[in-house]
Amino acid sequence: MAVPEALAGLAAIPGVRTAAQLRGSGEQLTVLPALARLLPGGALRRGSTVAVRGATSLVLALLAAATRDGCWAAVTGLPELGLAAAAELGVDLGRVALVPDPGAELVAVASALVDGFDLVVLGGGLPPQPARRLAGRVRNRGAVLLVAGHWPGADLELTISDGRWHGLTGDGHGHLSYREVTAISHGRGPAARPTAVPLRLPGRGGAVETAGSPRRRLAGVAG
Protein backbone atom coordinates (compact mmCIF):
# COMPACT_ATOMS: atom_id res chain seq x y z
CA MET A 1 0.00 0.00 0.00
CA ALA A 2 1.30 3.49 -0.85
CA VAL A 3 2.16 5.69 2.11
CA PRO A 4 -0.55 8.34 1.43
CA GLU A 5 -3.19 5.56 1.26
CA ALA A 6 -1.96 4.14 4.54
CA LEU A 7 -2.40 7.57 6.13
CA ALA A 8 -5.99 7.86 4.96
CA GLY A 9 -7.24 6.21 8.16
CA LEU A 10 -5.61 8.71 10.52
CA ALA A 11 -8.94 9.97 11.81
CA ALA A 12 -9.71 6.45 13.08
CA ILE A 13 -6.77 6.52 15.51
CA PRO A 14 -8.05 7.28 19.05
CA GLY A 15 -7.25 10.88 19.92
CA VAL A 16 -6.25 12.01 16.42
CA ARG A 17 -8.55 14.76 15.25
CA THR A 18 -9.80 15.68 11.82
CA ALA A 19 -9.06 19.00 10.16
CA ALA A 20 -12.50 20.35 11.04
CA GLN A 21 -11.93 19.51 14.71
CA LEU A 22 -8.49 21.15 14.67
CA ARG A 23 -9.97 24.43 13.44
CA GLY A 24 -12.28 24.50 16.44
CA SER A 25 -9.72 23.72 19.13
CA GLY A 26 -8.12 27.11 19.76
CA GLU A 27 -6.01 29.54 17.81
CA GLN A 28 -2.65 28.81 19.44
CA LEU A 29 -0.52 25.93 20.69
CA THR A 30 1.47 26.40 23.86
CA VAL A 31 5.27 26.20 24.00
CA LEU A 32 7.75 25.90 26.84
CA PRO A 33 8.13 29.14 28.85
CA ALA A 34 11.77 29.48 27.75
CA LEU A 35 10.64 29.66 24.11
CA ALA A 36 7.58 31.88 24.50
CA ARG A 37 9.53 35.13 24.03
CA LEU A 38 10.57 34.00 20.55
CA LEU A 39 6.99 33.77 19.29
CA PRO A 40 4.37 36.46 18.65
CA GLY A 41 1.78 36.05 21.39
CA GLY A 42 4.08 33.59 23.16
CA ALA A 43 2.68 30.56 21.31
CA LEU A 44 2.51 28.78 17.96
CA ARG A 45 -0.31 30.19 15.85
CA ARG A 46 -2.49 27.67 14.04
CA GLY A 47 -2.28 27.97 10.27
CA SER A 48 1.33 29.17 10.34
CA THR A 49 4.56 27.83 8.88
CA VAL A 50 7.69 28.14 11.02
CA ALA A 51 11.18 27.49 9.61
CA VAL A 52 13.83 26.44 12.14
CA ARG A 53 17.45 26.68 11.02
CA GLY A 54 20.49 25.48 12.89
CA ALA A 55 19.16 22.99 15.45
CA THR A 56 16.79 20.04 15.28
CA SER A 57 16.73 20.23 19.08
CA LEU A 58 14.79 23.52 18.84
CA VAL A 59 12.22 21.84 16.59
CA LEU A 60 11.75 19.13 19.21
CA ALA A 61 11.56 21.67 22.03
CA LEU A 62 8.69 23.39 20.20
CA LEU A 63 6.75 20.11 20.34
CA ALA A 64 7.21 19.57 24.06
CA ALA A 65 4.50 21.68 25.71
CA ALA A 66 1.98 21.12 22.92
CA THR A 67 2.19 17.32 23.10
CA ARG A 68 2.02 17.39 26.89
CA ASP A 69 -1.12 19.56 26.59
CA GLY A 70 -2.84 16.92 24.45
CA CYS A 71 -1.92 17.93 20.92
CA TRP A 72 -0.79 15.38 18.34
CA ALA A 73 2.36 15.78 16.25
CA ALA A 74 3.82 14.01 13.24
CA VAL A 75 7.40 14.01 11.95
CA THR A 76 8.39 13.13 8.41
CA GLY A 77 11.64 13.37 6.47
CA LEU A 78 13.88 13.18 9.56
CA PRO A 79 15.21 9.61 9.65
CA GLU A 80 18.00 10.64 12.03
CA LEU A 81 15.58 11.96 14.67
CA GLY A 82 16.71 11.09 18.20
CA LEU A 83 13.76 9.91 20.27
CA ALA A 84 15.76 9.88 23.50
CA ALA A 85 16.69 13.53 22.97
CA ALA A 86 13.06 14.37 22.20
CA ALA A 87 11.93 12.77 25.46
CA GLU A 88 14.59 14.67 27.44
CA LEU A 89 13.35 17.93 25.94
CA GLY A 90 9.86 17.11 27.21
CA VAL A 91 8.11 15.68 24.13
CA ASP A 92 5.33 13.17 24.88
CA LEU A 93 6.38 10.42 22.45
CA GLY A 94 3.01 8.74 22.83
CA ARG A 95 1.52 11.62 20.84
CA VAL A 96 4.06 11.65 18.02
CA ALA A 97 3.70 9.73 14.75
CA LEU A 98 6.82 9.08 12.65
CA VAL A 99 7.22 8.68 8.89
CA PRO A 100 11.03 8.73 8.83
CA ASP A 101 11.74 8.41 5.12
CA PRO A 102 8.78 9.04 2.77
CA GLY A 103 11.07 9.18 -0.27
CA ALA A 104 9.41 10.54 -3.40
CA GLU A 105 6.07 10.73 -1.55
CA LEU A 106 7.21 13.52 0.78
CA VAL A 107 4.70 16.12 -0.46
CA ALA A 108 1.78 13.69 -0.42
CA VAL A 109 2.71 12.40 3.04
CA ALA A 110 3.11 15.91 4.48
CA SER A 111 -0.26 16.95 3.01
CA ALA A 112 -1.98 13.93 4.56
CA LEU A 113 -0.39 14.59 7.94
CA VAL A 114 -1.47 18.23 7.90
CA ASP A 115 -5.07 17.00 7.57
CA GLY A 116 -4.98 15.09 10.85
CA PHE A 117 -2.35 16.48 13.22
CA ASP A 118 -1.95 19.69 15.21
CA LEU A 119 1.78 19.99 14.40
CA VAL A 120 3.69 18.54 11.47
CA VAL A 121 7.50 18.55 11.38
CA LEU A 122 9.03 18.42 7.91
CA GLY A 123 12.72 17.60 7.52
CA GLY A 124 13.95 20.06 4.92
CA GLY A 125 12.35 22.40 2.43
CA LEU A 126 10.49 21.93 -0.85
CA PRO A 127 10.62 23.63 -4.25
CA PRO A 128 8.65 26.93 -4.30
CA GLN A 129 5.46 25.69 -5.96
CA PRO A 130 4.75 22.65 -3.74
CA ALA A 131 5.91 24.70 -0.75
CA ARG A 132 3.23 27.32 -1.46
CA ARG A 133 0.56 24.66 -1.89
CA LEU A 134 1.48 22.95 1.37
CA ALA A 135 1.56 26.27 3.25
CA GLY A 136 -1.91 27.04 1.92
CA ARG A 137 -3.14 23.67 3.12
CA VAL A 138 -1.67 24.36 6.56
CA ARG A 139 -3.60 27.65 6.74
CA ASN A 140 -6.85 26.02 5.65
CA ARG A 141 -6.55 23.07 8.02
CA GLY A 142 -5.47 25.05 11.07
CA ALA A 143 -2.33 23.02 11.71
CA VAL A 144 1.21 24.25 12.40
CA LEU A 145 4.06 23.30 10.06
CA LEU A 146 7.57 23.23 11.55
CA VAL A 147 10.26 22.97 8.89
CA ALA A 148 13.80 21.90 9.82
CA GLY A 149 15.54 24.13 7.30
CA HIS A 150 14.81 27.00 4.93
CA TRP A 151 11.22 27.64 3.80
CA PRO A 152 10.37 30.39 1.27
CA GLY A 153 7.74 32.76 2.64
CA ALA A 154 7.65 31.27 6.15
CA ASP A 155 5.49 33.19 8.61
CA LEU A 156 8.31 32.97 11.16
CA GLU A 157 11.95 31.93 10.96
CA LEU A 158 13.94 30.80 13.99
CA THR A 159 17.71 30.63 13.75
CA ILE A 160 20.24 29.20 16.20
CA SER A 161 23.73 30.69 16.46
CA ASP A 162 26.66 31.14 18.86
CA GLY A 163 26.53 27.55 20.14
CA ARG A 164 28.95 26.77 22.97
CA TRP A 165 29.13 23.69 25.18
CA HIS A 166 29.96 23.91 28.89
CA GLY A 167 31.19 21.35 31.37
CA LEU A 168 34.72 20.48 30.27
CA THR A 169 37.78 21.71 32.12
CA GLY A 170 40.65 23.51 30.42
CA ASP A 171 42.45 20.23 29.74
CA GLY A 172 39.37 18.65 28.13
CA HIS A 173 38.20 16.53 31.08
CA GLY A 174 34.73 16.38 32.58
CA HIS A 175 31.25 15.96 31.12
CA LEU A 176 29.28 18.18 28.76
CA SER A 177 26.45 19.57 30.89
CA TYR A 178 24.69 22.19 28.75
CA ARG A 179 24.95 24.19 25.53
CA GLU A 180 24.43 27.93 25.34
CA VAL A 181 23.00 29.30 22.10
CA THR A 182 21.30 32.44 20.83
CA ALA A 183 17.90 31.91 19.25
CA ILE A 184 16.73 34.64 16.86
CA SER A 185 13.16 34.98 15.60
CA HIS A 186 12.16 37.05 12.61
CA GLY A 187 9.05 37.01 10.46
CA ARG A 188 5.95 38.83 9.32
CA GLY A 189 3.62 41.24 11.09
CA PRO A 190 4.31 41.41 14.84
CA ALA A 191 7.49 39.38 14.30
CA ALA A 192 8.97 41.81 11.77
CA ARG A 193 11.43 43.18 14.34
CA PRO A 194 13.92 40.42 15.17
CA THR A 195 14.11 39.14 18.73
CA ALA A 196 17.12 37.35 20.22
CA VAL A 197 16.84 35.07 23.26
CA PRO A 198 19.82 33.32 24.93
CA LEU A 199 18.99 29.69 25.68
CA ARG A 200 20.51 26.58 27.12
CA LEU A 201 19.61 24.00 24.49
CA PRO A 202 19.91 21.47 25.92
CA GLY A 203 20.21 22.67 29.49
CA ARG A 204 21.21 20.61 32.49
CA GLY A 205 19.28 17.36 32.43
CA GLY A 206 18.36 17.76 28.76
CA ALA A 207 15.52 20.29 29.04
CA VAL A 208 15.59 23.73 27.41
CA GLU A 209 16.28 26.68 29.73
CA THR A 210 16.52 30.45 29.45
CA ALA A 211 20.14 31.53 29.79
CA GLY A 212 19.58 35.26 30.41
CA SER A 213 17.55 38.31 29.46
CA PRO A 214 16.32 38.60 25.84
CA ARG A 215 17.48 41.47 23.68
CA ARG A 216 15.61 43.20 20.87
CA ARG A 217 17.45 43.79 17.62
CA LEU A 218 16.46 46.58 15.29
CA ALA A 219 18.44 45.45 12.25
CA GLY A 220 17.27 42.72 9.90
CA VAL A 221 18.61 39.20 10.05
CA ALA A 222 20.49 37.89 7.08
CA GLY A 223 18.87 34.76 5.64
C-alpha atoms as a PDB file:
ATOM      1  CA  MET A   1       0.000   0.000   0.000  1.00  0.00           C
ATOM      2  CA  ALA A   2       1.297   3.487  -0.846  1.00  0.00           C
ATOM      3  CA  VAL A   3       2.157   5.690   2.108  1.00  0.00           C
ATOM      4  CA  PRO A   4      -0.552   8.344   1.432  1.00  0.00           C
ATOM      5  CA  GLU A   5      -3.190   5.565   1.261  1.00  0.00           C
ATOM      6  CA  ALA A   6      -1.962   4.136   4.536  1.00  0.00           C
ATOM      7  CA  LEU A   7      -2.399   7.567   6.131  1.00  0.00           C
ATOM      8  CA  ALA A   8      -5.988   7.860   4.959  1.00  0.00           C
ATOM      9  CA  GLY A   9      -7.244   6.208   8.162  1.00  0.00           C
ATOM     10  CA  LEU A  10      -5.607   8.709  10.522  1.00  0.00           C
ATOM     11  CA  ALA A  11      -8.937   9.966  11.813  1.00  0.00           C
ATOM     12  CA  ALA A  12      -9.709   6.446  13.083  1.00  0.00           C
ATOM     13  CA  ILE A  13      -6.772   6.518  15.507  1.00  0.00           C
ATOM     14  CA  PRO A  14      -8.051   7.279  19.046  1.00  0.00           C
ATOM     15  CA  GLY A  15      -7.247  10.876  19.925  1.00  0.00           C
ATOM     16  CA  VAL A  16      -6.249  12.005  16.419  1.00  0.00           C
ATOM     17  CA  ARG A  17      -8.551  14.760  15.252  1.00  0.00           C
ATOM     18  CA  THR A  18      -9.799  15.684  11.818  1.00  0.00           C
ATOM     19  CA  ALA A  19      -9.059  19.002  10.158  1.00  0.00           C
ATOM     20  CA  ALA A  20     -12.497  20.352  11.043  1.00  0.00           C
ATOM     21  CA  GLN A  21     -11.931  19.510  14.707  1.00  0.00           C
ATOM     22  CA  LEU A  22      -8.495  21.153  14.666  1.00  0.00           C
ATOM     23  CA  ARG A  23      -9.967  24.432  13.442  1.00  0.00           C
ATOM     24  CA  GLY A  24     -12.284  24.505  16.442  1.00  0.00           C
ATOM     25  CA  SER A  25      -9.717  23.723  19.131  1.00  0.00           C
ATOM     26  CA  GLY A  26      -8.120  27.110  19.761  1.00  0.00           C
ATOM     27  CA  GLU A  27      -6.012  29.543  17.810  1.00  0.00           C
ATOM     28  CA  GLN A  28      -2.653  28.807  19.444  1.00  0.00           C
ATOM     29  CA  LEU A  29      -0.523  25.932  20.689  1.00  0.00           C
ATOM     30  CA  THR A  30       1.472  26.403  23.862  1.00  0.00           C
ATOM     31  CA  VAL A  31       5.268  26.204  24.004  1.00  0.00           C
ATOM     32  CA  LEU A  32       7.751  25.899  26.843  1.00  0.00           C
ATOM     33  CA  PRO A  33       8.131  29.143  28.853  1.00  0.00           C
ATOM     34  CA  ALA A  34      11.770  29.477  27.748  1.00  0.00           C
ATOM     35  CA  LEU A  35      10.638  29.657  24.107  1.00  0.00           C
ATOM     36  CA  ALA A  36       7.584  31.880  24.501  1.00  0.00           C
ATOM     37  CA  ARG A  37       9.531  35.131  24.028  1.00  0.00           C
ATOM     38  CA  LEU A  38      10.571  34.000  20.547  1.00  0.00           C
ATOM     39  CA  LEU A  39       6.992  33.774  19.285  1.00  0.00           C
ATOM     40  CA  PRO A  40       4.367  36.459  18.652  1.00  0.00           C
ATOM     41  CA  GLY A  41       1.784  36.055  21.394  1.00  0.00           C
ATOM     42  CA  GLY A  42       4.076  33.590  23.162  1.00  0.00           C
ATOM     43  CA  ALA A  43       2.679  30.562  21.312  1.00  0.00           C
ATOM     44  CA  LEU A  44       2.514  28.784  17.955  1.00  0.00           C
ATOM     45  CA  ARG A  45      -0.313  30.186  15.852  1.00  0.00           C
ATOM     46  CA  ARG A  46      -2.492  27.670  14.037  1.00  0.00           C
ATOM     47  CA  GLY A  47      -2.285  27.970  10.271  1.00  0.00           C
ATOM     48  CA  SER A  48       1.332  29.173  10.344  1.00  0.00           C
ATOM     49  CA  THR A  49       4.559  27.828   8.880  1.00  0.00           C
ATOM     50  CA  VAL A  50       7.694  28.142  11.019  1.00  0.00           C
ATOM     51  CA  ALA A  51      11.176  27.489   9.613  1.00  0.00           C
ATOM     52  CA  VAL A  52      13.834  26.441  12.140  1.00  0.00           C
ATOM     53  CA  ARG A  53      17.446  26.681  11.021  1.00  0.00           C
ATOM     54  CA  GLY A  54      20.495  25.478  12.886  1.00  0.00           C
ATOM     55  CA  ALA A  55      19.164  22.991  15.454  1.00  0.00           C
ATOM     56  CA  THR A  56      16.793  20.040  15.285  1.00  0.00           C
ATOM     57  CA  SER A  57      16.729  20.233  19.081  1.00  0.00           C
ATOM     58  CA  LEU A  58      14.794  23.519  18.837  1.00  0.00           C
ATOM     59  CA  VAL A  59      12.216  21.840  16.594  1.00  0.00           C
ATOM     60  CA  LEU A  60      11.751  19.128  19.215  1.00  0.00           C
ATOM     61  CA  ALA A  61      11.556  21.670  22.032  1.00  0.00           C
ATOM     62  CA  LEU A  62       8.686  23.386  20.202  1.00  0.00           C
ATOM     63  CA  LEU A  63       6.746  20.105  20.337  1.00  0.00           C
ATOM     64  CA  ALA A  64       7.212  19.575  24.057  1.00  0.00           C
ATOM     65  CA  ALA A  65       4.500  21.677  25.712  1.00  0.00           C
ATOM     66  CA  ALA A  66       1.978  21.125  22.919  1.00  0.00           C
ATOM     67  CA  THR A  67       2.191  17.319  23.096  1.00  0.00           C
ATOM     68  CA  ARG A  68       2.017  17.391  26.890  1.00  0.00           C
ATOM     69  CA  ASP A  69      -1.115  19.556  26.590  1.00  0.00           C
ATOM     70  CA  GLY A  70      -2.840  16.916  24.449  1.00  0.00           C
ATOM     71  CA  CYS A  71      -1.915  17.934  20.919  1.00  0.00           C
ATOM     72  CA  TRP A  72      -0.791  15.385  18.339  1.00  0.00           C
ATOM     73  CA  ALA A  73       2.357  15.785  16.252  1.00  0.00           C
ATOM     74  CA  ALA A  74       3.819  14.014  13.240  1.00  0.00           C
ATOM     75  CA  VAL A  75       7.400  14.007  11.954  1.00  0.00           C
ATOM     76  CA  THR A  76       8.388  13.133   8.406  1.00  0.00           C
ATOM     77  CA  GLY A  77      11.637  13.365   6.471  1.00  0.00           C
ATOM     78  CA  LEU A  78      13.883  13.178   9.556  1.00  0.00           C
ATOM     79  CA  PRO A  79      15.210   9.605   9.652  1.00  0.00           C
ATOM     80  CA  GLU A  80      17.998  10.643  12.031  1.00  0.00           C
ATOM     81  CA  LEU A  81      15.585  11.956  14.669  1.00  0.00           C
ATOM     82  CA  GLY A  82      16.714  11.091  18.198  1.00  0.00           C
ATOM     83  CA  LEU A  83      13.761   9.912  20.272  1.00  0.00           C
ATOM     84  CA  ALA A  84      15.760   9.885  23.501  1.00  0.00           C
ATOM     85  CA  ALA A  85      16.691  13.534  22.972  1.00  0.00           C
ATOM     86  CA  ALA A  86      13.059  14.372  22.199  1.00  0.00           C
ATOM     87  CA  ALA A  87      11.925  12.772  25.459  1.00  0.00           C
ATOM     88  CA  GLU A  88      14.592  14.669  27.438  1.00  0.00           C
ATOM     89  CA  LEU A  89      13.347  17.934  25.939  1.00  0.00           C
ATOM     90  CA  GLY A  90       9.857  17.109  27.210  1.00  0.00           C
ATOM     91  CA  VAL A  91       8.115  15.676  24.129  1.00  0.00           C
ATOM     92  CA  ASP A  92       5.327  13.167  24.877  1.00  0.00           C
ATOM     93  CA  LEU A  93       6.382  10.419  22.454  1.00  0.00           C
ATOM     94  CA  GLY A  94       3.008   8.743  22.835  1.00  0.00           C
ATOM     95  CA  ARG A  95       1.525  11.622  20.840  1.00  0.00           C
ATOM     96  CA  VAL A  96       4.059  11.652  18.018  1.00  0.00           C
ATOM     97  CA  ALA A  97       3.699   9.727  14.748  1.00  0.00           C
ATOM     98  CA  LEU A  98       6.825   9.083  12.654  1.00  0.00           C
ATOM     99  CA  VAL A  99       7.215   8.681   8.894  1.00  0.00           C
ATOM    100  CA  PRO A 100      11.032   8.732   8.833  1.00  0.00           C
ATOM    101  CA  ASP A 101      11.737   8.405   5.119  1.00  0.00           C
ATOM    102  CA  PRO A 102       8.781   9.042   2.768  1.00  0.00           C
ATOM    103  CA  GLY A 103      11.065   9.180  -0.270  1.00  0.00           C
ATOM    104  CA  ALA A 104       9.406  10.538  -3.403  1.00  0.00           C
ATOM    105  CA  GLU A 105       6.074  10.734  -1.551  1.00  0.00           C
ATOM    106  CA  LEU A 106       7.207  13.523   0.783  1.00  0.00           C
ATOM    107  CA  VAL A 107       4.704  16.123  -0.460  1.00  0.00           C
ATOM    108  CA  ALA A 108       1.781  13.691  -0.423  1.00  0.00           C
ATOM    109  CA  VAL A 109       2.707  12.399   3.040  1.00  0.00           C
ATOM    110  CA  ALA A 110       3.109  15.906   4.485  1.00  0.00           C
ATOM    111  CA  SER A 111      -0.261  16.951   3.012  1.00  0.00           C
ATOM    112  CA  ALA A 112      -1.977  13.933   4.561  1.00  0.00           C
ATOM    113  CA  LEU A 113      -0.386  14.585   7.945  1.00  0.00           C
ATOM    114  CA  VAL A 114      -1.474  18.233   7.900  1.00  0.00           C
ATOM    115  CA  ASP A 115      -5.070  17.002   7.566  1.00  0.00           C
ATOM    116  CA  GLY A 116      -4.981  15.091  10.848  1.00  0.00           C
ATOM    117  CA  PHE A 117      -2.348  16.480  13.219  1.00  0.00           C
ATOM    118  CA  ASP A 118      -1.946  19.693  15.212  1.00  0.00           C
ATOM    119  CA  LEU A 119       1.775  19.987  14.395  1.00  0.00           C
ATOM    120  CA  VAL A 120       3.690  18.536  11.472  1.00  0.00           C
ATOM    121  CA  VAL A 121       7.500  18.548  11.378  1.00  0.00           C
ATOM    122  CA  LEU A 122       9.030  18.419   7.915  1.00  0.00           C
ATOM    123  CA  GLY A 123      12.717  17.599   7.522  1.00  0.00           C
ATOM    124  CA  GLY A 124      13.946  20.061   4.920  1.00  0.00           C
ATOM    125  CA  GLY A 125      12.352  22.402   2.431  1.00  0.00           C
ATOM    126  CA  LEU A 126      10.495  21.928  -0.848  1.00  0.00           C
ATOM    127  CA  PRO A 127      10.621  23.633  -4.254  1.00  0.00           C
ATOM    128  CA  PRO A 128       8.650  26.935  -4.305  1.00  0.00           C
ATOM    129  CA  GLN A 129       5.456  25.690  -5.962  1.00  0.00           C
ATOM    130  CA  PRO A 130       4.750  22.648  -3.743  1.00  0.00           C
ATOM    131  CA  ALA A 131       5.906  24.695  -0.748  1.00  0.00           C
ATOM    132  CA  ARG A 132       3.230  27.323  -1.464  1.00  0.00           C
ATOM    133  CA  ARG A 133       0.558  24.656  -1.893  1.00  0.00           C
ATOM    134  CA  LEU A 134       1.485  22.954   1.373  1.00  0.00           C
ATOM    135  CA  ALA A 135       1.562  26.275   3.252  1.00  0.00           C
ATOM    136  CA  GLY A 136      -1.914  27.036   1.923  1.00  0.00           C
ATOM    137  CA  ARG A 137      -3.143  23.668   3.124  1.00  0.00           C
ATOM    138  CA  VAL A 138      -1.674  24.358   6.565  1.00  0.00           C
ATOM    139  CA  ARG A 139      -3.600  27.647   6.741  1.00  0.00           C
ATOM    140  CA  ASN A 140      -6.849  26.015   5.648  1.00  0.00           C
ATOM    141  CA  ARG A 141      -6.546  23.066   8.018  1.00  0.00           C
ATOM    142  CA  GLY A 142      -5.468  25.055  11.073  1.00  0.00           C
ATOM    143  CA  ALA A 143      -2.334  23.022  11.706  1.00  0.00           C
ATOM    144  CA  VAL A 144       1.215  24.254  12.401  1.00  0.00           C
ATOM    145  CA  LEU A 145       4.059  23.296  10.061  1.00  0.00           C
ATOM    146  CA  LEU A 146       7.566  23.228  11.551  1.00  0.00           C
ATOM    147  CA  VAL A 147      10.261  22.971   8.887  1.00  0.00           C
ATOM    148  CA  ALA A 148      13.796  21.896   9.821  1.00  0.00           C
ATOM    149  CA  GLY A 149      15.544  24.133   7.303  1.00  0.00           C
ATOM    150  CA  HIS A 150      14.810  26.999   4.935  1.00  0.00           C
ATOM    151  CA  TRP A 151      11.223  27.643   3.800  1.00  0.00           C
ATOM    152  CA  PRO A 152      10.366  30.389   1.268  1.00  0.00           C
ATOM    153  CA  GLY A 153       7.739  32.756   2.640  1.00  0.00           C
ATOM    154  CA  ALA A 154       7.651  31.265   6.150  1.00  0.00           C
ATOM    155  CA  ASP A 155       5.494  33.185   8.614  1.00  0.00           C
ATOM    156  CA  LEU A 156       8.311  32.966  11.161  1.00  0.00           C
ATOM    157  CA  GLU A 157      11.953  31.931  10.959  1.00  0.00           C
ATOM    158  CA  LEU A 158      13.937  30.796  13.992  1.00  0.00           C
ATOM    159  CA  THR A 159      17.715  30.628  13.754  1.00  0.00           C
ATOM    160  CA  ILE A 160      20.243  29.203  16.202  1.00  0.00           C
ATOM    161  CA  SER A 161      23.734  30.693  16.458  1.00  0.00           C
ATOM    162  CA  ASP A 162      26.664  31.135  18.857  1.00  0.00           C
ATOM    163  CA  GLY A 163      26.527  27.552  20.142  1.00  0.00           C
ATOM    164  CA  ARG A 164      28.952  26.772  22.973  1.00  0.00           C
ATOM    165  CA  TRP A 165      29.131  23.689  25.184  1.00  0.00           C
ATOM    166  CA  HIS A 166      29.962  23.908  28.889  1.00  0.00           C
ATOM    167  CA  GLY A 167      31.189  21.346  31.369  1.00  0.00           C
ATOM    168  CA  LEU A 168      34.719  20.480  30.269  1.00  0.00           C
ATOM    169  CA  THR A 169      37.776  21.712  32.117  1.00  0.00           C
ATOM    170  CA  GLY A 170      40.651  23.510  30.424  1.00  0.00           C
ATOM    171  CA  ASP A 171      42.454  20.230  29.739  1.00  0.00           C
ATOM    172  CA  GLY A 172      39.370  18.648  28.132  1.00  0.00           C
ATOM    173  CA  HIS A 173      38.199  16.526  31.076  1.00  0.00           C
ATOM    174  CA  GLY A 174      34.726  16.381  32.582  1.00  0.00           C
ATOM    175  CA  HIS A 175      31.250  15.958  31.117  1.00  0.00           C
ATOM    176  CA  LEU A 176      29.276  18.180  28.757  1.00  0.00           C
ATOM    177  CA  SER A 177      26.455  19.574  30.889  1.00  0.00           C
ATOM    178  CA  TYR A 178      24.687  22.191  28.753  1.00  0.00           C
ATOM    179  CA  ARG A 179      24.947  24.187  25.533  1.00  0.00           C
ATOM    180  CA  GLU A 180      24.427  27.935  25.342  1.00  0.00           C
ATOM    181  CA  VAL A 181      22.997  29.302  22.100  1.00  0.00           C
ATOM    182  CA  THR A 182      21.301  32.436  20.831  1.00  0.00           C
ATOM    183  CA  ALA A 183      17.897  31.907  19.253  1.00  0.00           C
ATOM    184  CA  ILE A 184      16.734  34.637  16.864  1.00  0.00           C
ATOM    185  CA  SER A 185      13.163  34.982  15.604  1.00  0.00           C
ATOM    186  CA  HIS A 186      12.158  37.053  12.605  1.00  0.00           C
ATOM    187  CA  GLY A 187       9.052  37.012  10.457  1.00  0.00           C
ATOM    188  CA  ARG A 188       5.951  38.831   9.323  1.00  0.00           C
ATOM    189  CA  GLY A 189       3.625  41.245  11.086  1.00  0.00           C
ATOM    190  CA  PRO A 190       4.315  41.411  14.842  1.00  0.00           C
ATOM    191  CA  ALA A 191       7.492  39.382  14.301  1.00  0.00           C
ATOM    192  CA  ALA A 192       8.968  41.812  11.769  1.00  0.00           C
ATOM    193  CA  ARG A 193      11.425  43.184  14.338  1.00  0.00           C
ATOM    194  CA  PRO A 194      13.923  40.423  15.174  1.00  0.00           C
ATOM    195  CA  THR A 195      14.109  39.139  18.731  1.00  0.00           C
ATOM    196  CA  ALA A 196      17.125  37.353  20.218  1.00  0.00           C
ATOM    197  CA  VAL A 197      16.836  35.070  23.256  1.00  0.00           C
ATOM    198  CA  PRO A 198      19.815  33.318  24.929  1.00  0.00           C
ATOM    199  CA  LEU A 199      18.989  29.691  25.681  1.00  0.00           C
ATOM    200  CA  ARG A 200      20.510  26.578  27.115  1.00  0.00           C
ATOM    201  CA  LEU A 201      19.615  23.996  24.490  1.00  0.00           C
ATOM    202  CA  PRO A 202      19.910  21.467  25.920  1.00  0.00           C
ATOM    203  CA  GLY A 203      20.208  22.673  29.486  1.00  0.00           C
ATOM    204  CA  ARG A 204      21.212  20.615  32.495  1.00  0.00           C
ATOM    205  CA  GLY A 205      19.284  17.362  32.427  1.00  0.00           C
ATOM    206  CA  GLY A 206      18.360  17.756  28.759  1.00  0.00           C
ATOM    207  CA  ALA A 207      15.524  20.287  29.044  1.00  0.00           C
ATOM    208  CA  VAL A 208      15.592  23.727  27.406  1.00  0.00           C
ATOM    209  CA  GLU A 209      16.282  26.685  29.728  1.00  0.00           C
ATOM    210  CA  THR A 210      16.518  30.446  29.448  1.00  0.00           C
ATOM    211  CA  ALA A 211      20.138  31.534  29.790  1.00  0.00           C
ATOM    212  CA  GLY A 212      19.582  35.257  30.413  1.00  0.00           C
ATOM    213  CA  SER A 213      17.547  38.312  29.459  1.00  0.00           C
ATOM    214  CA  PRO A 214      16.316  38.597  25.842  1.00  0.00           C
ATOM    215  CA  ARG A 215      17.476  41.470  23.683  1.00  0.00           C
ATOM    216  CA  ARG A 216      15.610  43.201  20.868  1.00  0.00           C
ATOM    217  CA  ARG A 217      17.450  43.792  17.625  1.00  0.00           C
ATOM    218  CA  LEU A 218      16.459  46.576  15.287  1.00  0.00           C
ATOM    219  CA  ALA A 219      18.442  45.445  12.251  1.00  0.00           C
ATOM    220  CA  GLY A 220      17.271  42.716   9.901  1.00  0.00           C
ATOM    221  CA  VAL A 221      18.608  39.204  10.052  1.00  0.00           C
ATOM    222  CA  ALA A 222      20.486  37.893   7.079  1.00  0.00           C
ATOM    223  CA  GLY A 223      18.869  34.765   5.641  1.00  0.00           C
END
